[in-house]
Amino acid sequence: MAALRGQQNTLYIPSSVEQEISEYMFHSLPQEACGVVLGEAAAGGIRISRFQPIRNVAPDPLHHFQLEQVEWIRCIFQEPTLIGVFHSHPRTEPLPSLEDIHSLPTFAGMLNVYLIGSPIHPSDTTSHNKMNLYAYEIQSTAKAANQVNEGIKHTLQPLQLCMT
């Protein structure tokens, strides 16, 4: 994942994988869906090859997600490489929430990509079961020594998403 640090990158995702994520998200409604994406990271960008759904075991799955531990641990050791995490915002835009920012320490250091999907609510028949999918890079920086909470600060920066 070192290829990602400090570079402008593109996340390449096959349309078949995007469709699989979308179908899983719609199947999970009204709850938040979650899972991981696997693939390869290189200097030319990040290529997703597969989506692995993981059960959401959050106490309030309508508003939060928590990856089921056994499935999550199994994915950590799979090949191809674990690239990022996906979850959905069933009722809001796919923009990072405060809850998303607070959960970053769970994934930082292991993952570099944070995907959020939201259903496009049908205003006509052409948008049925369509999804907005946004990609973010997880960035971690050391806080200044004079700040009250010393340590690492985690942020999400927009990442260019390219469907292939």
C-alpha atoms as a PDB file:
ATOM      1  CA  MET A   1       0.000   0.000   0.000  1.00  0.00           C
ATOM      2  CA  ALA A   2       2.990   2.308   0.128  1.00  0.00           C
ATOM      3  CA  ALA A   3       2.264   3.277  -3.483  1.00  0.00           C
ATOM      4  CA  LEU A   4      -0.761   5.218  -2.284  1.00  0.00           C
ATOM      5  CA  ARG A   5       0.930   7.537   0.166  1.00  0.00           C
ATOM      6  CA  GLY A   6       1.079  11.124  -1.036  1.00  0.00           C
ATOM      7  CA  GLN A   7       0.151  10.379  -4.644  1.00  0.00           C
ATOM      8  CA  GLN A   8      -2.869  11.288  -6.724  1.00  0.00           C
ATOM      9  CA  ASN A   9      -4.422   7.887  -7.364  1.00  0.00           C
ATOM     10  CA  THR A  10      -7.323   6.415  -9.194  1.00  0.00           C
ATOM     11  CA  LEU A  11      -9.419   3.527  -7.979  1.00  0.00           C
ATOM     12  CA  TYR A  12     -10.392   1.241 -10.862  1.00  0.00           C
ATOM     13  CA  ILE A  13     -13.429  -0.928 -10.272  1.00  0.00           C
ATOM     14  CA  PRO A  14     -14.989  -3.296 -12.824  1.00  0.00           C
ATOM     15  CA  SER A  15     -18.646  -2.572 -13.528  1.00  0.00           C
ATOM     16  CA  SER A  16     -19.452  -6.190 -12.542  1.00  0.00           C
ATOM     17  CA  VAL A  17     -18.000  -5.593  -9.053  1.00  0.00           C
ATOM     18  CA  GLU A  18     -19.834  -2.264  -8.747  1.00  0.00           C
ATOM     19  CA  GLN A  19     -23.056  -4.060  -9.705  1.00  0.00           C
ATOM     20  CA  GLU A  20     -22.415  -6.777  -7.110  1.00  0.00           C
ATOM     21  CA  ILE A  21     -21.900  -4.131  -4.402  1.00  0.00           C
ATOM     22  CA  SER A  22     -25.067  -2.330  -5.507  1.00  0.00           C
ATOM     23  CA  GLU A  23     -27.167  -5.514  -5.464  1.00  0.00           C
ATOM     24  CA  TYR A  24     -25.884  -6.401  -1.996  1.00  0.00           C
ATOM     25  CA  MET A  25     -26.640  -2.887  -0.746  1.00  0.00           C
ATOM     26  CA  PHE A  26     -30.221  -2.987  -2.078  1.00  0.00           C
ATOM     27  CA  HIS A  27     -30.723  -6.502  -0.690  1.00  0.00           C
ATOM     28  CA  SER A  28     -29.628  -5.225   2.757  1.00  0.00           C
ATOM     29  CA  LEU A  29     -31.998  -2.248   2.883  1.00  0.00           C
ATOM     30  CA  PRO A  30     -33.139  -0.688   5.154  1.00  0.00           C
ATOM     31  CA  GLN A  31     -29.987  -1.691   7.067  1.00  0.00           C
ATOM     32  CA  GLU A  32     -26.474  -0.527   6.273  1.00  0.00           C
ATOM     33  CA  ALA A  33     -24.595  -3.027   4.136  1.00  0.00           C
ATOM     34  CA  CYS A  34     -20.874  -3.631   4.573  1.00  0.00           C
ATOM     35  CA  GLY A  35     -18.012  -5.618   3.160  1.00  0.00           C
ATOM     36  CA  VAL A  36     -14.497  -5.367   1.817  1.00  0.00           C
ATOM     37  CA  VAL A  37     -12.895  -4.946  -1.587  1.00  0.00           C
ATOM     38  CA  LEU A  38      -9.851  -6.912  -2.674  1.00  0.00           C
ATOM     39  CA  GLY A  39      -7.379  -6.248  -5.455  1.00  0.00           C
ATOM     40  CA  GLU A  40      -3.968  -4.720  -6.090  1.00  0.00           C
ATOM     41  CA  ALA A  41      -2.345  -1.356  -5.396  1.00  0.00           C
ATOM     42  CA  ALA A  42       0.490  -0.023  -7.527  1.00  0.00           C
ATOM     43  CA  ALA A  43       1.984   3.302  -8.548  1.00  0.00           C
ATOM     44  CA  GLY A  44      -0.521   3.547 -11.450  1.00  0.00           C
ATOM     45  CA  GLY A  45      -3.543   3.237  -9.195  1.00  0.00           C
ATOM     46  CA  ILE A  46      -5.609   0.734  -7.277  1.00  0.00           C
ATOM     47  CA  ARG A  47      -7.426  -2.063  -9.087  1.00  0.00           C
ATOM     48  CA  ILE A  48     -10.353  -3.747  -7.381  1.00  0.00           C
ATOM     49  CA  SER A  49     -10.919  -7.332  -8.469  1.00  0.00           C
ATOM     50  CA  ARG A  50     -13.505  -8.579  -5.992  1.00  0.00           C
ATOM     51  CA  PHE A  51     -16.107  -7.609  -3.401  1.00  0.00           C
ATOM     52  CA  GLN A  52     -16.636  -9.718  -0.296  1.00  0.00           C
ATOM     53  CA  PRO A  53     -19.848  -8.965   1.632  1.00  0.00           C
ATOM     54  CA  ILE A  54     -19.582  -9.174   5.413  1.00  0.00           C
ATOM     55  CA  ARG A  55     -22.537  -9.328   7.771  1.00  0.00           C
ATOM     56  CA  ASN A  56     -23.352  -6.130   9.643  1.00  0.00           C
ATOM     57  CA  VAL A  57     -23.565  -7.011  13.353  1.00  0.00           C
ATOM     58  CA  ALA A  58     -23.943  -3.457  14.687  1.00  0.00           C
ATOM     59  CA  PRO A  59     -26.430  -3.110  17.563  1.00  0.00           C
ATOM     60  CA  ASP A  60     -28.265  -0.510  15.432  1.00  0.00           C
ATOM     61  CA  PRO A  61     -27.723  -1.684  11.817  1.00  0.00           C
ATOM     62  CA  LEU A  62     -30.171   0.900  10.489  1.00  0.00           C
ATOM     63  CA  HIS A  63     -27.685   3.668  11.328  1.00  0.00           C
ATOM     64  CA  HIS A  64     -24.288   2.002  11.862  1.00  0.00           C
ATOM     65  CA  PHE A  65     -22.126  -0.817  10.587  1.00  0.00           C
ATOM     66  CA  GLN A  66     -19.851  -3.248  12.349  1.00  0.00           C
ATOM     67  CA  LEU A  67     -18.099  -6.029  10.448  1.00  0.00           C
ATOM     68  CA  GLU A  68     -18.748  -9.532  11.776  1.00  0.00           C
ATOM     69  CA  GLN A  69     -15.394 -10.479  13.369  1.00  0.00           C
ATOM     70  CA  VAL A  70     -14.893 -14.005  11.999  1.00  0.00           C
ATOM     71  CA  GLU A  71     -15.700 -12.946   8.422  1.00  0.00           C
ATOM     72  CA  TRP A  72     -13.515  -9.822   8.781  1.00  0.00           C
ATOM     73  CA  ILE A  73     -10.512 -11.808  10.056  1.00  0.00           C
ATOM     74  CA  ARG A  74     -10.940 -14.354   7.256  1.00  0.00           C
ATOM     75  CA  CYS A  75     -10.782 -11.523   4.684  1.00  0.00           C
ATOM     76  CA  ILE A  76      -7.601 -10.085   6.192  1.00  0.00           C
ATOM     77  CA  PHE A  77      -5.675 -13.208   5.190  1.00  0.00           C
ATOM     78  CA  GLN A  78      -7.178 -13.715   1.719  1.00  0.00           C
ATOM     79  CA  GLU A  79      -5.505 -13.172  -1.615  1.00  0.00           C
ATOM     80  CA  PRO A  80      -5.722 -10.924  -3.538  1.00  0.00           C
ATOM     81  CA  THR A  81      -4.850  -8.146  -1.159  1.00  0.00           C
ATOM     82  CA  LEU A  82      -7.411  -6.499   1.065  1.00  0.00           C
ATOM     83  CA  ILE A  83      -7.717  -2.952  -0.315  1.00  0.00           C
ATOM     84  CA  GLY A  84     -10.605  -1.301   1.455  1.00  0.00           C
ATOM     85  CA  VAL A  85     -13.891  -1.374   3.283  1.00  0.00           C
ATOM     86  CA  PHE A  86     -17.365  -0.629   1.892  1.00  0.00           C
ATOM     87  CA  HIS A  87     -20.507   0.365   3.686  1.00  0.00           C
ATOM     88  CA  SER A  88     -23.743   2.041   2.723  1.00  0.00           C
ATOM     89  CA  HIS A  89     -25.694   5.067   3.832  1.00  0.00           C
ATOM     90  CA  PRO A  90     -29.258   3.916   3.074  1.00  0.00           C
ATOM     91  CA  ARG A  91     -30.932   7.305   3.653  1.00  0.00           C
ATOM     92  CA  THR A  92     -28.181   9.876   3.085  1.00  0.00           C
ATOM     93  CA  GLU A  93     -25.585  10.830   0.507  1.00  0.00           C
ATOM     94  CA  PRO A  94     -22.365   8.763   0.407  1.00  0.00           C
ATOM     95  CA  LEU A  95     -20.397  11.402   2.280  1.00  0.00           C
ATOM     96  CA  PRO A  96     -18.341  10.588   5.385  1.00  0.00           C
ATOM     97  CA  SER A  97     -20.311  10.983   8.598  1.00  0.00           C
ATOM     98  CA  LEU A  98     -18.869  11.721  12.032  1.00  0.00           C
ATOM     99  CA  GLU A  99     -19.350   8.026  12.805  1.00  0.00           C
ATOM    100  CA  ASP A 100     -17.250   7.164   9.731  1.00  0.00           C
ATOM    101  CA  ILE A 101     -14.436   9.472  10.865  1.00  0.00           C
ATOM    102  CA  HIS A 102     -14.532   8.031  14.396  1.00  0.00           C
ATOM    103  CA  SER A 103     -14.245   4.470  13.012  1.00  0.00           C
ATOM    104  CA  LEU A 104     -11.120   5.212  10.938  1.00  0.00           C
ATOM    105  CA  PRO A 105      -8.610   4.002  13.579  1.00  0.00           C
ATOM    106  CA  THR A 106     -10.159   0.528  13.172  1.00  0.00           C
ATOM    107  CA  PHE A 107      -9.090   0.423   9.514  1.00  0.00           C
ATOM    108  CA  ALA A 108      -6.126   2.822   9.243  1.00  0.00           C
ATOM    109  CA  GLY A 109      -2.853   1.016   8.742  1.00  0.00           C
ATOM    110  CA  MET A 110      -4.588  -2.055   7.297  1.00  0.00           C
ATOM    111  CA  LEU A 111      -6.632  -0.416   4.545  1.00  0.00           C
ATOM    112  CA  ASN A 112      -6.242   2.623   2.363  1.00  0.00           C
ATOM    113  CA  VAL A 113      -9.664   2.835   0.693  1.00  0.00           C
ATOM    114  CA  TYR A 114     -13.012   3.673   2.263  1.00  0.00           C
ATOM    115  CA  LEU A 115     -16.034   3.249  -0.036  1.00  0.00           C
ATOM    116  CA  ILE A 116     -19.490   4.591   0.735  1.00  0.00           C
ATOM    117  CA  GLY A 117     -22.554   3.801  -1.349  1.00  0.00           C
ATOM    118  CA  SER A 118     -26.076   5.214  -1.310  1.00  0.00           C
ATOM    119  CA  PRO A 119     -29.149   4.258  -3.284  1.00  0.00           C
ATOM    120  CA  ILE A 120     -30.272   6.661  -5.977  1.00  0.00           C
ATOM    121  CA  HIS A 121     -33.897   7.098  -5.106  1.00  0.00           C
ATOM    122  CA  PRO A 122     -35.901   6.482  -8.257  1.00  0.00           C
ATOM    123  CA  SER A 123     -37.453   9.582  -9.729  1.00  0.00           C
ATOM    124  CA  ASP A 124     -38.111   7.581 -12.862  1.00  0.00           C
ATOM    125  CA  THR A 125     -37.766   3.958 -13.952  1.00  0.00           C
ATOM    126  CA  THR A 126     -34.209   4.393 -15.267  1.00  0.00           C
ATOM    127  CA  SER A 127     -32.648   4.810 -11.805  1.00  0.00           C
ATOM    128  CA  HIS A 128     -34.155   1.669 -10.250  1.00  0.00           C
ATOM    129  CA  ASN A 129     -31.531  -0.129  -8.113  1.00  0.00           C
ATOM    130  CA  LYS A 130     -28.775   2.345  -8.984  1.00  0.00           C
ATOM    131  CA  MET A 131     -26.121   3.406  -6.527  1.00  0.00           C
ATOM    132  CA  ASN A 132     -23.956   6.464  -5.917  1.00  0.00           C
ATOM    133  CA  LEU A 133     -20.518   5.156  -4.961  1.00  0.00           C
ATOM    134  CA  TYR A 134     -17.834   7.464  -3.564  1.00  0.00           C
ATOM    135  CA  ALA A 135     -14.245   6.473  -2.839  1.00  0.00           C
ATOM    136  CA  TYR A 136     -11.956   7.970  -0.218  1.00  0.00           C
ATOM    137  CA  GLU A 137      -8.343   7.420   0.720  1.00  0.00           C
ATOM    138  CA  ILE A 138      -7.687   6.888   4.423  1.00  0.00           C
ATOM    139  CA  GLN A 139      -4.876   9.253   5.412  1.00  0.00           C
ATOM    140  CA  SER A 140      -3.084   9.193   8.731  1.00  0.00           C
ATOM    141  CA  THR A 141      -0.867  11.989  10.025  1.00  0.00           C
ATOM    142  CA  ALA A 142       0.829  12.648  13.340  1.00  0.00           C
ATOM    143  CA  LYS A 143      -0.790  15.410  15.372  1.00  0.00           C
ATOM    144  CA  ALA A 144       1.291  18.332  16.543  1.00  0.00           C
ATOM    145  CA  ALA A 145       2.942  17.779  19.933  1.00  0.00           C
ATOM    146  CA  ASN A 146       1.135  20.794  21.425  1.00  0.00           C
ATOM    147  CA  GLN A 147      -2.336  19.390  20.710  1.00  0.00           C
ATOM    148  CA  VAL A 148      -4.309  18.019  23.640  1.00  0.00           C
ATOM    149  CA  ASN A 149      -4.873  14.567  22.125  1.00  0.00           C
ATOM    150  CA  GLU A 150      -1.438  13.566  20.893  1.00  0.00           C
ATOM    151  CA  GLY A 151      -1.188  10.710  18.437  1.00  0.00           C
ATOM    152  CA  ILE A 152      -2.476  10.026  14.965  1.00  0.00           C
ATOM    153  CA  LYS A 153      -5.153  11.963  13.100  1.00  0.00           C
ATOM    154  CA  HIS A 154      -7.132  10.034  10.468  1.00  0.00           C
ATOM    155  CA  THR A 155      -8.972  11.717   7.603  1.00  0.00           C
ATOM    156  CA  LEU A 156     -10.744  10.716   4.404  1.00  0.00           C
ATOM    157  CA  GLN A 157      -9.681  12.369   1.160  1.00  0.00           C
ATOM    158  CA  PRO A 158     -11.713  11.955  -2.053  1.00  0.00           C
ATOM    159  CA  LEU A 159     -10.234   9.403  -4.431  1.00  0.00           C
ATOM    160  CA  GLN A 160     -10.949   9.355  -8.165  1.00  0.00           C
ATOM    161  CA  LEU A 161     -13.192   6.401  -9.034  1.00  0.00           C
ATOM    162  CA  CYS A 162     -13.099   4.914 -12.536  1.00  0.00           C
ATOM    163  CA  MET A 163     -15.533   2.190 -13.639  1.00  0.00           C
ATOM    164  CA  THR A 164     -14.006  -0.255 -16.125  1.00  0.00           C
END
